[in-house]
C-alpha atoms as a PDB file:
ATOM      1  CA  MET A   1       2.154 -45.138 -13.125  1.00  0.00           C
ATOM      2  CA  SER A   2       2.075 -48.833 -14.089  1.00  0.00           C
ATOM      3  CA  GLY A   3       3.161 -51.665 -11.998  1.00  0.00           C
ATOM      4  CA  PRO A   4       2.254 -55.204 -10.945  1.00  0.00           C
ATOM      5  CA  GLN A   5      -1.324 -54.827  -9.993  1.00  0.00           C
ATOM      6  CA  CYS A   6      -1.873 -53.347 -13.658  1.00  0.00           C
ATOM      7  CA  CYS A   7      -0.754 -56.859 -14.909  1.00  0.00           C
ATOM      8  CA  SER A   8      -2.104 -59.075 -12.195  1.00  0.00           C
ATOM      9  CA  ASN A   9      -4.301 -61.942 -12.707  1.00  0.00           C
ATOM     10  CA  PRO A  10      -4.162 -61.776 -16.530  1.00  0.00           C
ATOM     11  CA  PRO A  11      -7.112 -63.061 -18.447  1.00  0.00           C
ATOM     12  CA  THR A  12      -6.798 -65.813 -20.939  1.00  0.00           C
ATOM     13  CA  LEU A  13      -7.637 -64.227 -24.051  1.00  0.00           C
ATOM     14  CA  ASN A  14     -10.105 -65.852 -26.506  1.00  0.00           C
ATOM     15  CA  PRO A  15     -10.915 -64.121 -29.703  1.00  0.00           C
ATOM     16  CA  SER A  16     -14.101 -66.026 -30.085  1.00  0.00           C
ATOM     17  CA  SER A  17     -15.545 -65.324 -26.650  1.00  0.00           C
ATOM     18  CA  GLY A  18     -18.676 -63.535 -26.139  1.00  0.00           C
ATOM     19  CA  SER A  19     -22.251 -63.763 -27.824  1.00  0.00           C
ATOM     20  CA  GLY A  20     -21.414 -60.768 -30.436  1.00  0.00           C
ATOM     21  CA  HIS A  21     -19.061 -60.718 -33.065  1.00  0.00           C
ATOM     22  CA  VAL A  22     -15.922 -58.732 -34.270  1.00  0.00           C
ATOM     23  CA  GLU A  23     -15.901 -56.327 -37.283  1.00  0.00           C
ATOM     24  CA  LYS A  24     -14.190 -52.996 -38.179  1.00  0.00           C
ATOM     25  CA  LEU A  25     -15.657 -49.699 -36.474  1.00  0.00           C
ATOM     26  CA  GLY A  26     -13.585 -46.457 -36.907  1.00  0.00           C
ATOM     27  CA  GLY A  27     -10.663 -48.337 -38.501  1.00  0.00           C
ATOM     28  CA  LEU A  28     -10.507 -50.837 -35.352  1.00  0.00           C
ATOM     29  CA  ASN A  29     -11.220 -54.196 -34.890  1.00  0.00           C
ATOM     30  CA  THR A  30     -14.072 -54.319 -32.505  1.00  0.00           C
ATOM     31  CA  TYR A  31     -16.244 -56.505 -30.479  1.00  0.00           C
ATOM     32  CA  LEU A  32     -19.911 -55.446 -31.112  1.00  0.00           C
ATOM     33  CA  THR A  33     -23.022 -56.782 -29.024  1.00  0.00           C
ATOM     34  CA  GLY A  34     -26.498 -55.742 -28.611  1.00  0.00           C
ATOM     35  CA  PRO A  35     -28.902 -54.226 -31.004  1.00  0.00           C
ATOM     36  CA  ALA A  36     -27.294 -52.674 -34.069  1.00  0.00           C
ATOM     37  CA  ASP A  37     -30.239 -50.211 -34.577  1.00  0.00           C
ATOM     38  CA  SER A  38     -30.080 -48.955 -30.975  1.00  0.00           C
ATOM     39  CA  ASN A  39     -29.540 -45.077 -30.687  1.00  0.00           C
ATOM     40  CA  ARG A  40     -27.930 -45.734 -27.430  1.00  0.00           C
ATOM     41  CA  ALA A  41     -24.299 -46.984 -27.582  1.00  0.00           C
ATOM     42  CA  VAL A  42     -21.723 -47.720 -24.859  1.00  0.00           C
ATOM     43  CA  ILE A  43     -17.982 -48.171 -25.591  1.00  0.00           C
ATOM     44  CA  LEU A  44     -15.978 -50.352 -23.258  1.00  0.00           C
ATOM     45  CA  ILE A  45     -12.069 -49.459 -23.126  1.00  0.00           C
ATOM     46  CA  SER A  46     -10.115 -52.378 -21.983  1.00  0.00           C
ATOM     47  CA  ASP A  47      -7.366 -52.442 -19.751  1.00  0.00           C
ATOM     48  CA  VAL A  48      -3.621 -53.387 -20.943  1.00  0.00           C
ATOM     49  CA  HIS A  49      -4.750 -57.064 -21.702  1.00  0.00           C
ATOM     50  CA  GLY A  50      -7.119 -55.824 -24.446  1.00  0.00           C
ATOM     51  CA  TYR A  51     -10.393 -56.459 -26.084  1.00  0.00           C
ATOM     52  CA  GLU A  52     -10.124 -60.317 -26.323  1.00  0.00           C
ATOM     53  CA  ALA A  53     -10.634 -60.725 -22.533  1.00  0.00           C
ATOM     54  CA  PRO A  54     -13.668 -63.068 -21.748  1.00  0.00           C
ATOM     55  CA  LYS A  55     -14.819 -61.392 -18.706  1.00  0.00           C
ATOM     56  CA  LEU A  56     -14.802 -57.946 -20.447  1.00  0.00           C
ATOM     57  CA  ARG A  57     -16.781 -59.315 -23.332  1.00  0.00           C
ATOM     58  CA  LYS A  58     -19.198 -60.936 -20.788  1.00  0.00           C
ATOM     59  CA  LEU A  59     -19.765 -57.506 -19.186  1.00  0.00           C
ATOM     60  CA  ALA A  60     -20.449 -56.263 -22.864  1.00  0.00           C
ATOM     61  CA  ASP A  61     -23.089 -58.860 -23.476  1.00  0.00           C
ATOM     62  CA  LYS A  62     -24.566 -57.985 -19.818  1.00  0.00           C
ATOM     63  CA  ILE A  63     -24.812 -54.354 -20.604  1.00  0.00           C
ATOM     64  CA  ALA A  64     -26.177 -54.817 -24.153  1.00  0.00           C
ATOM     65  CA  ALA A  65     -28.778 -57.168 -22.760  1.00  0.00           C
ATOM     66  CA  ALA A  66     -30.346 -53.904 -21.436  1.00  0.00           C
ATOM     67  CA  GLY A  67     -30.916 -52.478 -24.628  1.00  0.00           C
ATOM     68  CA  PHE A  68     -27.524 -50.816 -25.486  1.00  0.00           C
ATOM     69  CA  TYR A  69     -25.415 -51.197 -28.456  1.00  0.00           C
ATOM     70  CA  VAL A  70     -21.990 -52.047 -26.925  1.00  0.00           C
ATOM     71  CA  VAL A  71     -18.686 -51.666 -28.711  1.00  0.00           C
ATOM     72  CA  VAL A  72     -15.290 -52.773 -27.234  1.00  0.00           C
ATOM     73  CA  PRO A  73     -12.503 -51.777 -29.843  1.00  0.00           C
ATOM     74  CA  ASP A  74      -9.006 -53.218 -30.193  1.00  0.00           C
ATOM     75  CA  PHE A  75      -7.201 -50.259 -29.225  1.00  0.00           C
ATOM     76  CA  PHE A  76      -3.748 -52.172 -29.233  1.00  0.00           C
ATOM     77  CA  TYR A  77      -4.159 -53.363 -32.946  1.00  0.00           C
ATOM     78  CA  GLY A  78      -3.711 -57.044 -32.037  1.00  0.00           C
ATOM     79  CA  ASP A  79      -0.707 -56.342 -29.594  1.00  0.00           C
ATOM     80  CA  PRO A  80      -2.153 -56.459 -25.981  1.00  0.00           C
ATOM     81  CA  TYR A  81       0.302 -56.678 -22.880  1.00  0.00           C
ATOM     82  CA  LYS A  82       1.645 -60.210 -22.499  1.00  0.00           C
ATOM     83  CA  ALA A  83       3.186 -60.688 -19.056  1.00  0.00           C
ATOM     84  CA  GLU A  84       4.970 -63.869 -20.455  1.00  0.00           C
ATOM     85  CA  ASN A  85       6.885 -61.723 -22.676  1.00  0.00           C
ATOM     86  CA  THR A  86       9.520 -60.924 -19.992  1.00  0.00           C
ATOM     87  CA  GLU A  87      11.668 -58.814 -22.686  1.00  0.00           C
ATOM     88  CA  ARG A  88       8.814 -56.403 -23.088  1.00  0.00           C
ATOM     89  CA  PRO A  89       7.733 -55.372 -19.581  1.00  0.00           C
ATOM     90  CA  VAL A  90       4.682 -53.077 -19.280  1.00  0.00           C
ATOM     91  CA  GLN A  91       6.919 -50.086 -18.984  1.00  0.00           C
ATOM     92  CA  VAL A  92       8.234 -50.684 -22.518  1.00  0.00           C
ATOM     93  CA  TRP A  93       4.750 -51.929 -24.058  1.00  0.00           C
ATOM     94  CA  ILE A  94       3.071 -48.659 -22.856  1.00  0.00           C
ATOM     95  CA  LYS A  95       5.641 -46.634 -24.973  1.00  0.00           C
ATOM     96  CA  ASP A  96       3.861 -48.325 -27.984  1.00  0.00           C
ATOM     97  CA  HIS A  97       0.459 -47.830 -26.784  1.00  0.00           C
ATOM     98  CA  GLY A  98       0.114 -44.636 -24.952  1.00  0.00           C
ATOM     99  CA  PRO A  99      -3.460 -43.542 -23.972  1.00  0.00           C
ATOM    100  CA  ASP A 100      -2.792 -40.605 -26.011  1.00  0.00           C
ATOM    101  CA  LYS A 101      -2.983 -42.358 -29.134  1.00  0.00           C
ATOM    102  CA  GLY A 102      -6.043 -44.346 -27.811  1.00  0.00           C
ATOM    103  CA  VAL A 103      -7.933 -41.045 -27.502  1.00  0.00           C
ATOM    104  CA  GLU A 104      -7.447 -40.204 -31.233  1.00  0.00           C
ATOM    105  CA  ASP A 105      -8.647 -43.893 -31.980  1.00  0.00           C
ATOM    106  CA  ALA A 106     -11.631 -43.447 -29.780  1.00  0.00           C
ATOM    107  CA  LYS A 107     -12.715 -40.164 -31.235  1.00  0.00           C
ATOM    108  CA  ARG A 108     -12.814 -42.079 -34.822  1.00  0.00           C
ATOM    109  CA  VAL A 109     -14.977 -44.774 -33.065  1.00  0.00           C
ATOM    110  CA  VAL A 110     -17.450 -42.108 -31.668  1.00  0.00           C
ATOM    111  CA  GLU A 111     -17.838 -40.863 -35.081  1.00  0.00           C
ATOM    112  CA  ALA A 112     -18.393 -43.952 -36.632  1.00  0.00           C
ATOM    113  CA  LEU A 113     -21.262 -44.629 -34.148  1.00  0.00           C
ATOM    114  CA  LYS A 114     -22.672 -41.193 -34.879  1.00  0.00           C
ATOM    115  CA  SER A 115     -22.887 -42.234 -38.768  1.00  0.00           C
ATOM    116  CA  LYS A 116     -24.804 -45.329 -37.701  1.00  0.00           C
ATOM    117  CA  GLY A 117     -27.577 -43.044 -36.318  1.00  0.00           C
ATOM    118  CA  VAL A 118     -26.339 -43.341 -32.615  1.00  0.00           C
ATOM    119  CA  SER A 119     -27.249 -40.302 -30.807  1.00  0.00           C
ATOM    120  CA  THR A 120     -26.230 -40.916 -27.203  1.00  0.00           C
ATOM    121  CA  ILE A 121     -22.889 -42.542 -26.296  1.00  0.00           C
ATOM    122  CA  GLY A 122     -21.400 -43.529 -22.779  1.00  0.00           C
ATOM    123  CA  ALA A 123     -17.949 -44.725 -22.302  1.00  0.00           C
ATOM    124  CA  ALA A 124     -16.305 -47.010 -19.533  1.00  0.00           C
ATOM    125  CA  GLY A 125     -12.528 -47.386 -19.266  1.00  0.00           C
ATOM    126  CA  PHE A 126     -10.775 -49.959 -17.326  1.00  0.00           C
ATOM    127  CA  CYS A 127      -7.367 -49.250 -15.792  1.00  0.00           C
ATOM    128  CA  TRP A 128      -5.513 -47.973 -19.076  1.00  0.00           C
ATOM    129  CA  GLY A 129      -8.988 -47.182 -20.601  1.00  0.00           C
ATOM    130  CA  ALA A 130      -9.760 -44.687 -17.908  1.00  0.00           C
ATOM    131  CA  LYS A 131      -7.430 -42.119 -19.160  1.00  0.00           C
ATOM    132  CA  VAL A 132      -8.982 -42.491 -22.639  1.00  0.00           C
ATOM    133  CA  VAL A 133     -12.509 -41.980 -21.230  1.00  0.00           C
ATOM    134  CA  VAL A 134     -11.575 -38.925 -19.021  1.00  0.00           C
ATOM    135  CA  GLU A 135     -10.233 -37.243 -22.375  1.00  0.00           C
ATOM    136  CA  LEU A 136     -13.428 -37.941 -24.046  1.00  0.00           C
ATOM    137  CA  ALA A 137     -15.567 -36.652 -21.119  1.00  0.00           C
ATOM    138  CA  LYS A 138     -16.728 -33.498 -23.163  1.00  0.00           C
ATOM    139  CA  PRO A 139     -20.545 -33.498 -24.493  1.00  0.00           C
ATOM    140  CA  GLN A 140     -19.073 -33.468 -28.247  1.00  0.00           C
ATOM    141  CA  PHE A 141     -17.883 -36.805 -27.888  1.00  0.00           C
ATOM    142  CA  ILE A 142     -19.882 -38.561 -25.142  1.00  0.00           C
ATOM    143  CA  GLN A 143     -22.729 -38.135 -22.696  1.00  0.00           C
ATOM    144  CA  ALA A 144     -21.515 -40.023 -19.709  1.00  0.00           C
ATOM    145  CA  ALA A 145     -18.224 -41.429 -18.461  1.00  0.00           C
ATOM    146  CA  LEU A 146     -17.155 -44.133 -16.341  1.00  0.00           C
ATOM    147  CA  LEU A 147     -13.822 -44.877 -14.691  1.00  0.00           C
ATOM    148  CA  LEU A 148     -13.126 -48.338 -13.060  1.00  0.00           C
ATOM    149  CA  HIS A 149      -9.920 -48.826 -11.028  1.00  0.00           C
ATOM    150  CA  PRO A 150      -8.174 -45.983 -13.218  1.00  0.00           C
ATOM    151  CA  SER A 151      -4.658 -45.625 -14.299  1.00  0.00           C
ATOM    152  CA  PHE A 152      -2.840 -42.365 -15.402  1.00  0.00           C
ATOM    153  CA  VAL A 153      -5.694 -40.177 -14.332  1.00  0.00           C
ATOM    154  CA  SER A 154      -4.941 -36.889 -12.374  1.00  0.00           C
ATOM    155  CA  VAL A 155      -6.524 -34.555 -10.452  1.00  0.00           C
ATOM    156  CA  ASP A 156      -6.096 -32.141 -13.156  1.00  0.00           C
ATOM    157  CA  ASP A 157      -8.046 -34.431 -15.548  1.00  0.00           C
ATOM    158  CA  MET A 158     -11.075 -34.172 -13.348  1.00  0.00           C
ATOM    159  CA  LYS A 159     -11.384 -30.468 -13.813  1.00  0.00           C
ATOM    160  CA  GLY A 160     -11.900 -30.845 -17.233  1.00  0.00           C
ATOM    161  CA  VAL A 161     -14.818 -33.437 -17.150  1.00  0.00           C
ATOM    162  CA  GLU A 162     -18.037 -31.869 -18.549  1.00  0.00           C
ATOM    163  CA  VAL A 163     -20.244 -34.950 -18.457  1.00  0.00           C
ATOM    164  CA  PRO A 164     -21.738 -37.088 -15.705  1.00  0.00           C
ATOM    165  CA  ILE A 165     -19.093 -39.247 -14.468  1.00  0.00           C
ATOM    166  CA  ALA A 166     -18.826 -42.233 -12.307  1.00  0.00           C
ATOM    167  CA  ILE A 167     -15.625 -43.713 -10.696  1.00  0.00           C
ATOM    168  CA  LEU A 168     -15.426 -47.118  -9.124  1.00  0.00           C
ATOM    169  CA  GLY A 169     -12.391 -47.748  -7.208  1.00  0.00           C
ATOM    170  CA  ALA A 170     -10.866 -50.252  -5.105  1.00  0.00           C
ATOM    171  CA  GLU A 171      -9.615 -50.227  -1.511  1.00  0.00           C
ATOM    172  CA  HIS A 172      -6.417 -51.975  -2.473  1.00  0.00           C
ATOM    173  CA  ASP A 173      -5.334 -49.933  -5.421  1.00  0.00           C
ATOM    174  CA  HIS A 174      -1.653 -48.676  -5.582  1.00  0.00           C
ATOM    175  CA  LEU A 175      -2.409 -47.172  -8.896  1.00  0.00           C
ATOM    176  CA  SER A 176      -5.369 -45.073  -7.822  1.00  0.00           C
ATOM    177  CA  PRO A 177      -5.708 -45.682  -4.310  1.00  0.00           C
ATOM    178  CA  PRO A 178      -8.806 -44.250  -2.108  1.00  0.00           C
ATOM    179  CA  ALA A 179      -7.010 -41.205  -1.088  1.00  0.00           C
ATOM    180  CA  LEU A 180      -6.665 -40.069  -4.711  1.00  0.00           C
ATOM    181  CA  LEU A 181     -10.164 -40.924  -5.477  1.00  0.00           C
ATOM    182  CA  LYS A 182     -11.208 -38.800  -2.670  1.00  0.00           C
ATOM    183  CA  GLN A 183      -9.487 -35.968  -4.226  1.00  0.00           C
ATOM    184  CA  PHE A 184     -11.100 -36.522  -7.625  1.00  0.00           C
ATOM    185  CA  GLU A 185     -14.340 -36.640  -5.648  1.00  0.00           C
ATOM    186  CA  GLU A 186     -13.676 -33.062  -4.096  1.00  0.00           C
ATOM    187  CA  VAL A 187     -12.839 -31.527  -7.507  1.00  0.00           C
ATOM    188  CA  LEU A 188     -16.140 -33.158  -8.866  1.00  0.00           C
ATOM    189  CA  VAL A 189     -18.284 -32.190  -6.068  1.00  0.00           C
ATOM    190  CA  ALA A 190     -17.213 -28.462  -6.531  1.00  0.00           C
ATOM    191  CA  LYS A 191     -18.301 -28.883 -10.256  1.00  0.00           C
ATOM    192  CA  LYS A 192     -22.077 -28.285  -9.415  1.00  0.00           C
ATOM    193  CA  GLU A 193     -22.856 -28.428 -13.076  1.00  0.00           C
ATOM    194  CA  VAL A 194     -21.409 -32.160 -13.415  1.00  0.00           C
ATOM    195  CA  GLU A 195     -23.263 -35.200 -11.928  1.00  0.00           C
ATOM    196  CA  SER A 196     -20.722 -37.304 -10.274  1.00  0.00           C
ATOM    197  CA  TYR A 197     -20.419 -40.552  -8.253  1.00  0.00           C
ATOM    198  CA  VAL A 198     -17.328 -42.013  -6.595  1.00  0.00           C
ATOM    199  CA  LYS A 199     -17.631 -45.322  -4.823  1.00  0.00           C
ATOM    200  CA  ILE A 200     -14.651 -47.401  -3.465  1.00  0.00           C
ATOM    201  CA  PHE A 201     -15.317 -51.112  -2.983  1.00  0.00           C
ATOM    202  CA  PRO A 202     -13.767 -52.582   0.346  1.00  0.00           C
ATOM    203  CA  ASN A 203     -11.546 -55.873   0.234  1.00  0.00           C
ATOM    204  CA  VAL A 204     -10.824 -55.721  -3.600  1.00  0.00           C
ATOM    205  CA  ALA A 205      -7.917 -54.845  -5.582  1.00  0.00           C
ATOM    206  CA  HIS A 206      -6.996 -53.079  -8.585  1.00  0.00           C
ATOM    207  CA  GLY A 207      -8.558 -54.656 -11.693  1.00  0.00           C
ATOM    208  CA  TRP A 208     -11.154 -56.566  -9.854  1.00  0.00           C
ATOM    209  CA  THR A 209     -14.102 -55.691 -12.042  1.00  0.00           C
ATOM    210  CA  VAL A 210     -12.753 -57.573 -15.129  1.00  0.00           C
ATOM    211  CA  ARG A 211     -10.019 -59.583 -13.716  1.00  0.00           C
ATOM    212  CA  TYR A 212     -11.655 -61.303 -10.722  1.00  0.00           C
ATOM    213  CA  ASP A 213     -11.311 -64.681  -9.346  1.00  0.00           C
ATOM    214  CA  VAL A 214     -14.212 -66.587 -10.085  1.00  0.00           C
ATOM    215  CA  ASP A 215     -13.546 -69.178  -7.057  1.00  0.00           C
ATOM    216  CA  ASP A 216     -13.715 -66.087  -4.679  1.00  0.00           C
ATOM    217  CA  PRO A 217     -17.501 -65.443  -3.877  1.00  0.00           C
ATOM    218  CA  ALA A 218     -16.732 -62.113  -2.229  1.00  0.00           C
ATOM    219  CA  VAL A 219     -14.668 -60.848  -5.170  1.00  0.00           C
ATOM    220  CA  VAL A 220     -17.294 -62.102  -7.795  1.00  0.00           C
ATOM    221  CA  SER A 221     -20.077 -60.370  -5.600  1.00  0.00           C
ATOM    222  CA  ALA A 222     -18.168 -57.077  -5.531  1.00  0.00           C
ATOM    223  CA  ALA A 223     -17.511 -57.390  -9.271  1.00  0.00           C
ATOM    224  CA  GLU A 224     -21.070 -58.032  -9.953  1.00  0.00           C
ATOM    225  CA  GLU A 225     -22.147 -55.103  -7.739  1.00  0.00           C
ATOM    226  CA  ALA A 226     -19.835 -52.991  -9.764  1.00  0.00           C
ATOM    227  CA  HIS A 227     -21.424 -54.228 -13.044  1.00  0.00           C
ATOM    228  CA  GLN A 228     -24.823 -53.250 -11.740  1.00  0.00           C
ATOM    229  CA  ASN A 229     -23.626 -49.734 -10.745  1.00  0.00           C
ATOM    230  CA  MET A 230     -22.226 -49.310 -14.330  1.00  0.00           C
ATOM    231  CA  LEU A 231     -25.671 -50.500 -15.816  1.00  0.00           C
ATOM    232  CA  GLU A 232     -27.598 -48.168 -13.555  1.00  0.00           C
ATOM    233  CA  TRP A 233     -25.309 -45.047 -14.504  1.00  0.00           C
ATOM    234  CA  VAL A 234     -25.666 -45.798 -18.330  1.00  0.00           C
ATOM    235  CA  SER A 235     -29.393 -46.329 -17.993  1.00  0.00           C
ATOM    236  CA  LYS A 236     -29.625 -42.877 -16.370  1.00  0.00           C
ATOM    237  CA  TYR A 237     -27.391 -40.779 -18.622  1.00  0.00           C
ATOM    238  CA  VAL A 238     -27.270 -42.646 -21.994  1.00  0.00           C
ATOM    239  CA  LYS A 239     -30.858 -42.233 -23.199  1.00  0.00           C
END
């Protein structure tokens, strides 16, 4: 399920990036941004490159500016995938960082947010993080879900979704090609009780929403459109 697209165009990690700060939440180091007294929170769950990716934090700040308390936990405990470590390819790295462990960690983050008075939570997962989000997509955990260029997500996963879900995919995606996303859409459309939205962005590749080339205006525009779609979705369902 993981391959070159999963790791292409890696970010230059920067632990001090973003306008927020890092503190412990649910036992995890977490980038926090936005009004801490808001009762609306959004959890961003990173791809394999982790929570210190500057573009991911920039997106967190953008969502926070709309009044959400945004949290970006370090689900990899300081051990994100590093492409330069040729002795530990992603197929080996993933054995230490399976999405199943991420789900359990994410549930603790949800409980920590609730203990702070947060009443409504949305979660967005990028690549690796999408599998975590789809496992959280039950009303007792979150109230809205977003999957962006997902990995590891199956048609059966869609059958278990119980909260409004938006899926943003890329035309050129070997991990979740448009044909698979169309299958997701068919399952979701049949679930009349669940609001859903599937959108495939043309001329972009897996990872484009947080690993876009700043020198490519077309890709930047597509990323910004996806970010706006995210904001519209959480604004509608994370109230």
